[in-house]
Amino acid sequence: MSFFAAIIIGGISGWLAGKIMGSAHGVIINIILGLLGGAFGGWLGGLIGLDNPKKSWIGRIVISVAGACALIAIARFLF
């Protein structure tokens, strides 16, 4: 995946996670949450046995949103 595609997917995923979790952050934070969420979601998906759902744009966005929501929930719990 290209760098720009990762930024676009990260931005969309972070924005969706912010809407789902009620988090009001800026665009840069949303992109970072989406990118980290994609990595975190992919890692978690591998642990529970998902067979690489990151093969399509929709799969990447779903995993990134789930991972970003998990990161928001963890951050809320810790802070």
PDB file of N, CA and C in Angstrom:
ATOM      1  N   MET A   1       0.857  -1.168   0.000  1.00  0.00           N
ATOM      2  CA  MET A   1       0.000   0.000   0.000  1.00  0.00           C
ATOM      3  C   MET A   1       0.900   1.227   0.000  1.00  0.00           C
ATOM      4  N   SER A   2       0.503   2.203  -0.785  1.00  0.00           N
ATOM      5  CA  SER A   2       1.312   3.409  -0.876  1.00  0.00           C
ATOM      6  C   SER A   2       1.137   4.280   0.365  1.00  0.00           C
ATOM      7  N   PHE A   3       2.069   5.185   0.531  1.00  0.00           N
ATOM      8  CA  PHE A   3       2.045   6.094   1.674  1.00  0.00           C
ATOM      9  C   PHE A   3       0.775   6.946   1.671  1.00  0.00           C
ATOM     10  N   PHE A   4       0.398   7.459   0.507  1.00  0.00           N
ATOM     11  CA  PHE A   4      -0.785   8.320   0.428  1.00  0.00           C
ATOM     12  C   PHE A   4      -2.072   7.548   0.676  1.00  0.00           C
ATOM     13  N   ALA A   5      -2.133   6.311   0.209  1.00  0.00           N
ATOM     14  CA  ALA A   5      -3.303   5.477   0.484  1.00  0.00           C
ATOM     15  C   ALA A   5      -3.410   5.196   1.980  1.00  0.00           C
ATOM     16  N   ALA A   6      -2.283   4.973   2.636  1.00  0.00           N
ATOM     17  CA  ALA A   6      -2.290   4.737   4.081  1.00  0.00           C
ATOM     18  C   ALA A   6      -2.781   5.980   4.828  1.00  0.00           C
ATOM     19  N   ILE A   7      -2.364   7.160   4.362  1.00  0.00           N
ATOM     20  CA  ILE A   7      -2.805   8.397   5.000  1.00  0.00           C
ATOM     21  C   ILE A   7      -4.314   8.585   4.820  1.00  0.00           C
ATOM     22  N   ILE A   8      -4.808   8.314   3.624  1.00  0.00           N
ATOM     23  CA  ILE A   8      -6.243   8.461   3.358  1.00  0.00           C
ATOM     24  C   ILE A   8      -7.054   7.479   4.195  1.00  0.00           C
ATOM     25  N   ILE A   9      -6.643   6.215   4.198  1.00  0.00           N
ATOM     26  CA  ILE A   9      -7.350   5.214   4.997  1.00  0.00           C
ATOM     27  C   ILE A   9      -7.235   5.543   6.482  1.00  0.00           C
ATOM     28  N   GLY A  10      -6.066   5.988   6.920  1.00  0.00           N
ATOM     29  CA  GLY A  10      -5.887   6.374   8.322  1.00  0.00           C
ATOM     30  C   GLY A  10      -6.790   7.540   8.700  1.00  0.00           C
ATOM     31  N   GLY A  11      -6.903   8.519   7.819  1.00  0.00           N
ATOM     32  CA  GLY A  11      -7.773   9.664   8.091  1.00  0.00           C
ATOM     33  C   GLY A  11      -9.233   9.274   8.182  1.00  0.00           C
ATOM     34  N   ILE A  12      -9.681   8.469   7.234  1.00  0.00           N
ATOM     35  CA  ILE A  12     -11.072   8.010   7.244  1.00  0.00           C
ATOM     36  C   ILE A  12     -11.340   7.172   8.487  1.00  0.00           C
ATOM     37  N   SER A  13     -10.435   6.265   8.782  1.00  0.00           N
ATOM     38  CA  SER A  13     -10.599   5.376   9.939  1.00  0.00           C
ATOM     39  C   SER A  13     -10.580   6.146  11.248  1.00  0.00           C
ATOM     40  N   GLY A  14      -9.656   7.079  11.376  1.00  0.00           N
ATOM     41  CA  GLY A  14      -9.594   7.887  12.598  1.00  0.00           C
ATOM     42  C   GLY A  14     -10.827   8.748  12.766  1.00  0.00           C
ATOM     43  N   TRP A  15     -11.326   9.319  11.668  1.00  0.00           N
ATOM     44  CA  TRP A  15     -12.537  10.140  11.725  1.00  0.00           C
ATOM     45  C   TRP A  15     -13.730   9.286  12.151  1.00  0.00           C
ATOM     46  N   LEU A  16     -13.876   8.098  11.536  1.00  0.00           N
ATOM     47  CA  LEU A  16     -14.981   7.213  11.902  1.00  0.00           C
ATOM     48  C   LEU A  16     -14.883   6.766  13.360  1.00  0.00           C
ATOM     49  N   ALA A  17     -13.681   6.436  13.797  1.00  0.00           N
ATOM     50  CA  ALA A  17     -13.500   6.018  15.196  1.00  0.00           C
ATOM     51  C   ALA A  17     -13.834   7.162  16.137  1.00  0.00           C
ATOM     52  N   GLY A  18     -13.465   8.384  15.776  1.00  0.00           N
ATOM     53  CA  GLY A  18     -13.805   9.542  16.597  1.00  0.00           C
ATOM     54  C   GLY A  18     -15.300   9.745  16.688  1.00  0.00           C
ATOM     55  N   LYS A  19     -16.013   9.529  15.581  1.00  0.00           N
ATOM     56  CA  LYS A  19     -17.476   9.659  15.586  1.00  0.00           C
ATOM     57  C   LYS A  19     -18.117   8.549  16.410  1.00  0.00           C
ATOM     58  N   ILE A  20     -17.615   7.341  16.279  1.00  0.00           N
ATOM     59  CA  ILE A  20     -18.170   6.206  17.016  1.00  0.00           C
ATOM     60  C   ILE A  20     -17.938   6.363  18.516  1.00  0.00           C
ATOM     61  N   MET A  21     -16.724   6.755  18.891  1.00  0.00           N
ATOM     62  CA  MET A  21     -16.358   6.832  20.299  1.00  0.00           C
ATOM     63  C   MET A  21     -16.645   8.202  20.921  1.00  0.00           C
ATOM     64  N   GLY A  22     -17.092   9.158  20.126  1.00  0.00           N
ATOM     65  CA  GLY A  22     -17.375  10.486  20.665  1.00  0.00           C
ATOM     66  C   GLY A  22     -16.123  11.263  21.002  1.00  0.00           C
ATOM     67  N   SER A  23     -15.072  11.041  20.249  1.00  0.00           N
ATOM     68  CA  SER A  23     -13.804  11.703  20.491  1.00  0.00           C
ATOM     69  C   SER A  23     -13.645  12.858  19.510  1.00  0.00           C
ATOM     70  N   ALA A  24     -13.390  14.060  20.013  1.00  0.00           N
ATOM     71  CA  ALA A  24     -13.251  15.238  19.157  1.00  0.00           C
ATOM     72  C   ALA A  24     -11.788  15.664  19.098  1.00  0.00           C
ATOM     73  N   HIS A  25     -11.050  15.073  18.186  1.00  0.00           N
ATOM     74  CA  HIS A  25      -9.648  15.423  17.989  1.00  0.00           C
ATOM     75  C   HIS A  25      -9.501  16.093  16.638  1.00  0.00           C
ATOM     76  N   GLY A  26      -8.347  16.619  16.373  1.00  0.00           N
ATOM     77  CA  GLY A  26      -8.068  17.244  15.096  1.00  0.00           C
ATOM     78  C   GLY A  26      -7.766  16.223  14.016  1.00  0.00           C
ATOM     79  N   VAL A  27      -7.578  16.709  12.796  1.00  0.00           N
ATOM     80  CA  VAL A  27      -7.332  15.848  11.648  1.00  0.00           C
ATOM     81  C   VAL A  27      -6.051  15.043  11.823  1.00  0.00           C
ATOM     82  N   ILE A  28      -4.991  15.676  12.297  1.00  0.00           N
ATOM     83  CA  ILE A  28      -3.709  14.983  12.449  1.00  0.00           C
ATOM     84  C   ILE A  28      -3.829  13.852  13.468  1.00  0.00           C
ATOM     85  N   ILE A  29      -4.469  14.117  14.578  1.00  0.00           N
ATOM     86  CA  ILE A  29      -4.653  13.075  15.603  1.00  0.00           C
ATOM     87  C   ILE A  29      -5.512  11.946  15.046  1.00  0.00           C
ATOM     88  N   ASN A  30      -6.552  12.291  14.263  1.00  0.00           N
ATOM     89  CA  ASN A  30      -7.392  11.253  13.660  1.00  0.00           C
ATOM     90  C   ASN A  30      -6.597  10.378  12.704  1.00  0.00           C
ATOM     91  N   ILE A  31      -5.724  10.975  11.910  1.00  0.00           N
ATOM     92  CA  ILE A  31      -4.897  10.195  10.990  1.00  0.00           C
ATOM     93  C   ILE A  31      -3.958   9.282  11.768  1.00  0.00           C
ATOM     94  N   ILE A  32      -3.351   9.819  12.808  1.00  0.00           N
ATOM     95  CA  ILE A  32      -2.447   9.011  13.636  1.00  0.00           C
ATOM     96  C   ILE A  32      -3.210   7.873  14.296  1.00  0.00           C
ATOM     97  N   LEU A  33      -4.397   8.166  14.837  1.00  0.00           N
ATOM     98  CA  LEU A  33      -5.215   7.108  15.448  1.00  0.00           C
ATOM     99  C   LEU A  33      -5.594   6.045  14.426  1.00  0.00           C
ATOM    100  N   GLY A  34      -5.933   6.478  13.225  1.00  0.00           N
ATOM    101  CA  GLY A  34      -6.290   5.520  12.185  1.00  0.00           C
ATOM    102  C   GLY A  34      -5.122   4.641  11.774  1.00  0.00           C
ATOM    103  N   LEU A  35      -3.938   5.243  11.618  1.00  0.00           N
ATOM    104  CA  LEU A  35      -2.751   4.460  11.248  1.00  0.00           C
ATOM    105  C   LEU A  35      -2.351   3.488  12.356  1.00  0.00           C
ATOM    106  N   LEU A  36      -2.307   3.995  13.584  1.00  0.00           N
ATOM    107  CA  LEU A  36      -1.985   3.123  14.717  1.00  0.00           C
ATOM    108  C   LEU A  36      -3.074   2.080  14.925  1.00  0.00           C
ATOM    109  N   GLY A  37      -4.316   2.501  14.702  1.00  0.00           N
ATOM    110  CA  GLY A  37      -5.440   1.573  14.827  1.00  0.00           C
ATOM    111  C   GLY A  37      -5.360   0.450  13.806  1.00  0.00           C
ATOM    112  N   GLY A  38      -4.898   0.776  12.586  1.00  0.00           N
ATOM    113  CA  GLY A  38      -4.731  -0.257  11.566  1.00  0.00           C
ATOM    114  C   GLY A  38      -3.685  -1.277  11.972  1.00  0.00           C
ATOM    115  N   ALA A  39      -2.579  -0.794  12.498  1.00  0.00           N
ATOM    116  CA  ALA A  39      -1.518  -1.698  12.957  1.00  0.00           C
ATOM    117  C   ALA A  39      -1.996  -2.522  14.151  1.00  0.00           C
ATOM    118  N   PHE A  40      -2.643  -1.847  15.095  1.00  0.00           N
ATOM    119  CA  PHE A  40      -3.139  -2.520  16.299  1.00  0.00           C
ATOM    120  C   PHE A  40      -4.242  -3.519  15.946  1.00  0.00           C
ATOM    121  N   GLY A  41      -5.160  -3.099  15.072  1.00  0.00           N
ATOM    122  CA  GLY A  41      -6.255  -3.981  14.657  1.00  0.00           C
ATOM    123  C   GLY A  41      -5.752  -5.181  13.876  1.00  0.00           C
ATOM    124  N   GLY A  42      -4.750  -4.964  13.008  1.00  0.00           N
ATOM    125  CA  GLY A  42      -4.166  -6.084  12.272  1.00  0.00           C
ATOM    126  C   GLY A  42      -3.485  -7.074  13.189  1.00  0.00           C
ATOM    127  N   TRP A  43      -2.806  -6.531  14.191  1.00  0.00           N
ATOM    128  CA  TRP A  43      -2.140  -7.398  15.170  1.00  0.00           C
ATOM    129  C   TRP A  43      -3.171  -8.201  15.958  1.00  0.00           C
ATOM    130  N   LEU A  44      -4.233  -7.527  16.423  1.00  0.00           N
ATOM    131  CA  LEU A  44      -5.276  -8.230  17.168  1.00  0.00           C
ATOM    132  C   LEU A  44      -5.991  -9.249  16.293  1.00  0.00           C
ATOM    133  N   GLY A  45      -6.229  -8.881  15.035  1.00  0.00           N
ATOM    134  CA  GLY A  45      -6.867  -9.817  14.116  1.00  0.00           C
ATOM    135  C   GLY A  45      -6.042 -11.074  13.923  1.00  0.00           C
ATOM    136  N   GLY A  46      -4.735 -10.913  13.859  1.00  0.00           N
ATOM    137  CA  GLY A  46      -3.854 -12.068  13.746  1.00  0.00           C
ATOM    138  C   GLY A  46      -3.895 -12.946  14.977  1.00  0.00           C
ATOM    139  N   LEU A  47      -4.044 -12.326  16.143  1.00  0.00           N
ATOM    140  CA  LEU A  47      -4.109 -13.102  17.387  1.00  0.00           C
ATOM    141  C   LEU A  47      -5.373 -13.948  17.479  1.00  0.00           C
ATOM    142  N   ILE A  48      -6.482 -13.415  16.959  1.00  0.00           N
ATOM    143  CA  ILE A  48      -7.735 -14.171  17.062  1.00  0.00           C
ATOM    144  C   ILE A  48      -8.000 -15.035  15.830  1.00  0.00           C
ATOM    145  N   GLY A  49      -7.055 -15.020  14.878  1.00  0.00           N
ATOM    146  CA  GLY A  49      -7.131 -15.949  13.763  1.00  0.00           C
ATOM    147  C   GLY A  49      -7.837 -15.448  12.519  1.00  0.00           C
ATOM    148  N   LEU A  50      -8.015 -14.146  12.362  1.00  0.00           N
ATOM    149  CA  LEU A  50      -8.609 -13.637  11.135  1.00  0.00           C
ATOM    150  C   LEU A  50      -7.612 -13.830   9.993  1.00  0.00           C
ATOM    151  N   ASP A  51      -8.094 -14.255   8.857  1.00  0.00           N
ATOM    152  CA  ASP A  51      -7.228 -14.562   7.724  1.00  0.00           C
ATOM    153  C   ASP A  51      -6.992 -13.328   6.867  1.00  0.00           C
ATOM    154  N   ASN A  52      -6.131 -12.429   7.330  1.00  0.00           N
ATOM    155  CA  ASN A  52      -5.713 -11.221   6.616  1.00  0.00           C
ATOM    156  C   ASN A  52      -6.876 -10.451   5.984  1.00  0.00           C
ATOM    157  N   PRO A  53      -7.695  -9.789   6.798  1.00  0.00           N
ATOM    158  CA  PRO A  53      -8.812  -9.028   6.251  1.00  0.00           C
ATOM    159  C   PRO A  53      -8.370  -7.738   5.575  1.00  0.00           C
ATOM    160  N   LYS A  54      -7.072  -7.469   5.550  1.00  0.00           N
ATOM    161  CA  LYS A  54      -6.572  -6.227   4.978  1.00  0.00           C
ATOM    162  C   LYS A  54      -6.330  -6.327   3.472  1.00  0.00           C
ATOM    163  N   LYS A  55      -6.975  -7.246   2.795  1.00  0.00           N
ATOM    164  CA  LYS A  55      -6.774  -7.410   1.363  1.00  0.00           C
ATOM    165  C   LYS A  55      -7.612  -6.431   0.548  1.00  0.00           C
ATOM    166  N   SER A  56      -8.619  -5.833   1.119  1.00  0.00           N
ATOM    167  CA  SER A  56      -9.470  -4.894   0.390  1.00  0.00           C
ATOM    168  C   SER A  56      -9.520  -3.560   1.140  1.00  0.00           C
ATOM    169  N   TRP A  57      -9.976  -2.525   0.441  1.00  0.00           N
ATOM    170  CA  TRP A  57     -10.101  -1.205   1.070  1.00  0.00           C
ATOM    171  C   TRP A  57     -11.076  -1.261   2.245  1.00  0.00           C
ATOM    172  N   ILE A  58     -12.182  -1.948   2.068  1.00  0.00           N
ATOM    173  CA  ILE A  58     -13.189  -2.042   3.130  1.00  0.00           C
ATOM    174  C   ILE A  58     -12.613  -2.790   4.330  1.00  0.00           C
ATOM    175  N   GLY A  59     -11.925  -3.883   4.092  1.00  0.00           N
ATOM    176  CA  GLY A  59     -11.315  -4.636   5.189  1.00  0.00           C
ATOM    177  C   GLY A  59     -10.301  -3.811   5.948  1.00  0.00           C
ATOM    178  N   ARG A  60      -9.506  -3.030   5.216  1.00  0.00           N
ATOM    179  CA  ARG A  60      -8.516  -2.166   5.867  1.00  0.00           C
ATOM    180  C   ARG A  60      -9.192  -1.115   6.725  1.00  0.00           C
ATOM    181  N   ILE A  61     -10.250  -0.516   6.218  1.00  0.00           N
ATOM    182  CA  ILE A  61     -10.946   0.525   6.983  1.00  0.00           C
ATOM    183  C   ILE A  61     -11.615  -0.069   8.210  1.00  0.00           C
ATOM    184  N   VAL A  62     -12.260  -1.235   8.059  1.00  0.00           N
ATOM    185  CA  VAL A  62     -12.929  -1.872   9.206  1.00  0.00           C
ATOM    186  C   VAL A  62     -11.923  -2.208  10.300  1.00  0.00           C
ATOM    187  N   ILE A  63     -10.796  -2.814   9.924  1.00  0.00           N
ATOM    188  CA  ILE A  63      -9.767  -3.168  10.910  1.00  0.00           C
ATOM    189  C   ILE A  63      -9.178  -1.909  11.543  1.00  0.00           C
ATOM    190  N   SER A  64      -8.935  -0.879  10.746  1.00  0.00           N
ATOM    191  CA  SER A  64      -8.370   0.368  11.274  1.00  0.00           C
ATOM    192  C   SER A  64      -9.331   1.045  12.233  1.00  0.00           C
ATOM    193  N   VAL A  65     -10.619   1.065  11.888  1.00  0.00           N
ATOM    194  CA  VAL A  65     -11.619   1.685  12.772  1.00  0.00           C
ATOM    195  C   VAL A  65     -11.718   0.907  14.080  1.00  0.00           C
ATOM    196  N   ALA A  66     -11.758  -0.412  13.984  1.00  0.00           N
ATOM    197  CA  ALA A  66     -11.829  -1.229  15.206  1.00  0.00           C
ATOM    198  C   ALA A  66     -10.594  -1.019  16.074  1.00  0.00           C
ATOM    199  N   GLY A  67      -9.433  -0.982  15.457  1.00  0.00           N
ATOM    200  CA  GLY A  67      -8.200  -0.761  16.216  1.00  0.00           C
ATOM    201  C   GLY A  67      -8.145   0.632  16.824  1.00  0.00           C
ATOM    202  N   ALA A  68      -8.580   1.656  16.067  1.00  0.00           N
ATOM    203  CA  ALA A  68      -8.581   3.021  16.594  1.00  0.00           C
ATOM    204  C   ALA A  68      -9.579   3.164  17.740  1.00  0.00           C
ATOM    205  N   CYS A  69     -10.747   2.516  17.620  1.00  0.00           N
ATOM    206  CA  CYS A  69     -11.715   2.542  18.720  1.00  0.00           C
ATOM    207  C   CYS A  69     -11.135   1.871  19.962  1.00  0.00           C
ATOM    208  N   ALA A  70     -10.427   0.772  19.763  1.00  0.00           N
ATOM    209  CA  ALA A  70      -9.788   0.094  20.890  1.00  0.00           C
ATOM    210  C   ALA A  70      -8.734   0.988  21.526  1.00  0.00           C
ATOM    211  N   LEU A  71      -7.951   1.686  20.706  1.00  0.00           N
ATOM    212  CA  LEU A  71      -6.934   2.595  21.254  1.00  0.00           C
ATOM    213  C   LEU A  71      -7.566   3.751  22.011  1.00  0.00           C
ATOM    214  N   ILE A  72      -8.663   4.300  21.506  1.00  0.00           N
ATOM    215  CA  ILE A  72      -9.366   5.377  22.216  1.00  0.00           C
ATOM    216  C   ILE A  72      -9.881   4.862  23.557  1.00  0.00           C
ATOM    217  N   ALA A  73     -10.458   3.663  23.558  1.00  0.00           N
ATOM    218  CA  ALA A  73     -10.977   3.091  24.804  1.00  0.00           C
ATOM    219  C   ALA A  73      -9.857   2.847  25.816  1.00  0.00           C
ATOM    220  N   ILE A  74      -8.724   2.341  25.348  1.00  0.00           N
ATOM    221  CA  ILE A  74      -7.584   2.108  26.231  1.00  0.00           C
ATOM    222  C   ILE A  74      -7.061   3.434  26.797  1.00  0.00           C
ATOM    223  N   ALA A  75      -6.950   4.443  25.939  1.00  0.00           N
ATOM    224  CA  ALA A  75      -6.473   5.746  26.393  1.00  0.00           C
ATOM    225  C   ALA A  75      -7.423   6.360  27.421  1.00  0.00           C
ATOM    226  N   ARG A  76      -8.719   6.209  27.196  1.00  0.00           N
ATOM    227  CA  ARG A  76      -9.692   6.728  28.181  1.00  0.00           C
ATOM    228  C   ARG A  76      -9.559   6.003  29.513  1.00  0.00           C
ATOM    229  N   PHE A  77      -9.334   4.690  29.449  1.00  0.00           N
ATOM    230  CA  PHE A  77      -9.198   3.928  30.672  1.00  0.00           C
ATOM    231  C   PHE A  77      -7.953   4.327  31.453  1.00  0.00           C
ATOM    232  N   LEU A  78      -6.850   4.535  30.734  1.00  0.00           N
ATOM    233  CA  LEU A  78      -5.586   4.859  31.386  1.00  0.00           C
ATOM    234  C   LEU A  78      -5.520   6.307  31.876  1.00  0.00           C
ATOM    235  N   PHE A  79      -6.153   7.214  31.141  1.00  0.00           N
ATOM    236  CA  PHE A  79      -6.050   8.625  31.497  1.00  0.00           C
ATOM    237  C   PHE A  79      -7.401   9.138  31.883  1.00  0.00           C
TER     238      PHE A  79
END
